[in-house]
Amino acid sequence: MFSNTRNIFERRVRRKSLSPGKDAKLSSDDVFITSGCTQAIDVALTMLARPGANILLPRPGFPIYELCAAFRSLEVRHFDLLPEKGFEADLDAIAAPSGS
């Protein structure tokens, strides 16, 4: 037996806010549901990037970003994370590979 899921997303969105304590108005149009993180990454890259653009990814990082970027014809550039600083991004090193 299945529960009634009619309008479940609309009801949940009405009750929640992206920024607790702030006056964020959300609707079901603000929610995009994917079948997992791989699809979410691919959808985000598809909507935000154009072929031939570059994407700056951390190293080490999640390999699915590179796979999705290659599939979308994006040039991958890397910056290193600093393990001695709890894997913080080296902000000075980010500027060089980003082309800024």
C-alpha atoms as a PDB file:
ATOM      1  CA  MET A   1       0.000   0.000   0.000  1.00  0.00           C
ATOM      2  CA  PHE A   2       1.317   3.449  -0.922  1.00  0.00           C
ATOM      3  CA  SER A   3       0.603   6.725   0.791  1.00  0.00           C
ATOM      4  CA  ASN A   4      -0.954   9.622  -1.074  1.00  0.00           C
ATOM      5  CA  THR A   5       1.862  11.710  -2.530  1.00  0.00           C
ATOM      6  CA  ARG A   6      -0.348  14.182  -4.356  1.00  0.00           C
ATOM      7  CA  ASN A   7       1.015  17.704  -3.846  1.00  0.00           C
ATOM      8  CA  ILE A   8       3.571  16.444  -1.305  1.00  0.00           C
ATOM      9  CA  PHE A   9       6.347  18.659  -2.695  1.00  0.00           C
ATOM     10  CA  GLU A  10       4.151  21.756  -2.730  1.00  0.00           C
ATOM     11  CA  ARG A  11       3.180  21.147   0.916  1.00  0.00           C
ATOM     12  CA  ARG A  12       6.792  20.619   2.004  1.00  0.00           C
ATOM     13  CA  VAL A  13       8.046  23.695   0.171  1.00  0.00           C
ATOM     14  CA  ARG A  14       5.399  25.841   1.818  1.00  0.00           C
ATOM     15  CA  ARG A  15       6.583  24.718   5.269  1.00  0.00           C
ATOM     16  CA  LYS A  16      10.295  25.163   4.718  1.00  0.00           C
ATOM     17  CA  SER A  17      12.652  27.919   3.789  1.00  0.00           C
ATOM     18  CA  LEU A  18      16.166  27.862   2.360  1.00  0.00           C
ATOM     19  CA  SER A  19      17.243  30.468   4.903  1.00  0.00           C
ATOM     20  CA  PRO A  20      15.714  29.828   8.325  1.00  0.00           C
ATOM     21  CA  GLY A  21      14.875  33.075  10.064  1.00  0.00           C
ATOM     22  CA  LYS A  22      14.798  34.977   6.782  1.00  0.00           C
ATOM     23  CA  ASP A  23      11.819  35.870   4.661  1.00  0.00           C
ATOM     24  CA  ALA A  24      12.458  33.537   1.723  1.00  0.00           C
ATOM     25  CA  LYS A  25       9.386  32.824  -0.368  1.00  0.00           C
ATOM     26  CA  LEU A  26       9.519  29.432  -2.080  1.00  0.00           C
ATOM     27  CA  SER A  27       7.196  27.608  -4.399  1.00  0.00           C
ATOM     28  CA  SER A  28       7.285  24.147  -5.916  1.00  0.00           C
ATOM     29  CA  ASP A  29       8.819  25.792  -9.015  1.00  0.00           C
ATOM     30  CA  ASP A  30      11.951  26.501  -6.925  1.00  0.00           C
ATOM     31  CA  VAL A  31      12.556  22.781  -6.290  1.00  0.00           C
ATOM     32  CA  PHE A  32      14.223  20.495  -8.821  1.00  0.00           C
ATOM     33  CA  ILE A  33      14.297  16.832  -7.857  1.00  0.00           C
ATOM     34  CA  THR A  34      16.911  14.504  -9.312  1.00  0.00           C
ATOM     35  CA  SER A  35      17.479  10.789  -8.964  1.00  0.00           C
ATOM     36  CA  GLY A  36      20.825  11.304  -7.234  1.00  0.00           C
ATOM     37  CA  CYS A  37      23.922  13.460  -7.032  1.00  0.00           C
ATOM     38  CA  THR A  38      25.249  12.464 -10.470  1.00  0.00           C
ATOM     39  CA  GLN A  39      22.097  13.671 -12.171  1.00  0.00           C
ATOM     40  CA  ALA A  40      22.037  16.817 -10.009  1.00  0.00           C
ATOM     41  CA  ILE A  41      25.627  17.658 -11.001  1.00  0.00           C
ATOM     42  CA  ASP A  42      24.902  17.023 -14.680  1.00  0.00           C
ATOM     43  CA  VAL A  43      21.735  19.148 -14.603  1.00  0.00           C
ATOM     44  CA  ALA A  44      23.577  21.997 -12.871  1.00  0.00           C
ATOM     45  CA  LEU A  45      26.452  21.902 -15.372  1.00  0.00           C
ATOM     46  CA  THR A  46      24.031  21.708 -18.290  1.00  0.00           C
ATOM     47  CA  MET A  47      22.116  24.763 -17.108  1.00  0.00           C
ATOM     48  CA  LEU A  48      25.073  26.872 -15.976  1.00  0.00           C
ATOM     49  CA  ALA A  49      27.829  26.206 -18.507  1.00  0.00           C
ATOM     50  CA  ARG A  50      28.232  26.496 -22.241  1.00  0.00           C
ATOM     51  CA  PRO A  51      30.421  24.171 -24.354  1.00  0.00           C
ATOM     52  CA  GLY A  52      34.036  25.337 -24.411  1.00  0.00           C
ATOM     53  CA  ALA A  53      33.760  27.119 -21.061  1.00  0.00           C
ATOM     54  CA  ASN A  54      35.995  26.070 -18.206  1.00  0.00           C
ATOM     55  CA  ILE A  55      35.136  24.765 -14.783  1.00  0.00           C
ATOM     56  CA  LEU A  56      37.363  25.026 -11.747  1.00  0.00           C
ATOM     57  CA  LEU A  57      37.376  21.877  -9.607  1.00  0.00           C
ATOM     58  CA  PRO A  58      39.160  21.036  -6.373  1.00  0.00           C
ATOM     59  CA  ARG A  59      41.821  18.348  -6.196  1.00  0.00           C
ATOM     60  CA  PRO A  60      41.190  15.970  -4.532  1.00  0.00           C
ATOM     61  CA  GLY A  61      37.555  16.097  -5.507  1.00  0.00           C
ATOM     62  CA  PHE A  62      34.499  14.097  -6.461  1.00  0.00           C
ATOM     63  CA  PRO A  63      35.266  12.366  -9.813  1.00  0.00           C
ATOM     64  CA  ILE A  64      31.719  12.677 -11.145  1.00  0.00           C
ATOM     65  CA  TYR A  65      32.280  16.422 -11.694  1.00  0.00           C
ATOM     66  CA  GLU A  66      35.041  15.649 -14.214  1.00  0.00           C
ATOM     67  CA  LEU A  67      32.957  13.006 -15.955  1.00  0.00           C
ATOM     68  CA  CYS A  68      29.951  15.330 -16.316  1.00  0.00           C
ATOM     69  CA  ALA A  69      32.179  18.232 -17.385  1.00  0.00           C
ATOM     70  CA  ALA A  70      33.809  16.132 -20.121  1.00  0.00           C
ATOM     71  CA  PHE A  71      30.398  14.991 -21.345  1.00  0.00           C
ATOM     72  CA  ARG A  72      29.349  18.669 -21.600  1.00  0.00           C
ATOM     73  CA  SER A  73      32.585  19.681 -23.425  1.00  0.00           C
ATOM     74  CA  LEU A  74      33.847  21.811 -20.549  1.00  0.00           C
ATOM     75  CA  GLU A  75      37.540  22.424 -19.958  1.00  0.00           C
ATOM     76  CA  VAL A  76      38.451  21.221 -16.479  1.00  0.00           C
ATOM     77  CA  ARG A  77      40.967  23.261 -14.490  1.00  0.00           C
ATOM     78  CA  HIS A  78      42.091  22.257 -11.010  1.00  0.00           C
ATOM     79  CA  PHE A  79      43.160  23.887  -7.800  1.00  0.00           C
ATOM     80  CA  ASP A  80      44.642  21.992  -4.880  1.00  0.00           C
ATOM     81  CA  LEU A  81      43.099  21.696  -1.463  1.00  0.00           C
ATOM     82  CA  LEU A  82      45.421  22.061   1.515  1.00  0.00           C
ATOM     83  CA  PRO A  83      45.330  18.946   3.722  1.00  0.00           C
ATOM     84  CA  GLU A  84      47.461  20.645   6.374  1.00  0.00           C
ATOM     85  CA  LYS A  85      44.672  23.235   6.736  1.00  0.00           C
ATOM     86  CA  GLY A  86      41.764  20.805   6.875  1.00  0.00           C
ATOM     87  CA  PHE A  87      41.460  20.711   3.071  1.00  0.00           C
ATOM     88  CA  GLU A  88      40.783  24.424   2.755  1.00  0.00           C
ATOM     89  CA  ALA A  89      41.035  25.907  -0.708  1.00  0.00           C
ATOM     90  CA  ASP A  90      44.178  27.901  -1.378  1.00  0.00           C
ATOM     91  CA  LEU A  91      42.521  31.140  -2.486  1.00  0.00           C
ATOM     92  CA  ASP A  92      45.737  32.497  -4.003  1.00  0.00           C
ATOM     93  CA  ALA A  93      46.097  29.382  -6.154  1.00  0.00           C
ATOM     94  CA  ILE A  94      42.499  29.598  -7.410  1.00  0.00           C
ATOM     95  CA  ALA A  95      43.057  32.847  -9.320  1.00  0.00           C
ATOM     96  CA  ALA A  96      45.723  31.394 -11.659  1.00  0.00           C
ATOM     97  CA  PRO A  97      43.822  28.420 -13.148  1.00  0.00           C
ATOM     98  CA  SER A  98      40.534  30.321 -13.335  1.00  0.00           C
ATOM     99  CA  GLY A  99      41.964  32.744 -15.855  1.00  0.00           C
ATOM    100  CA  SER A 100      41.311  35.807 -13.676  1.00  0.00           C
END
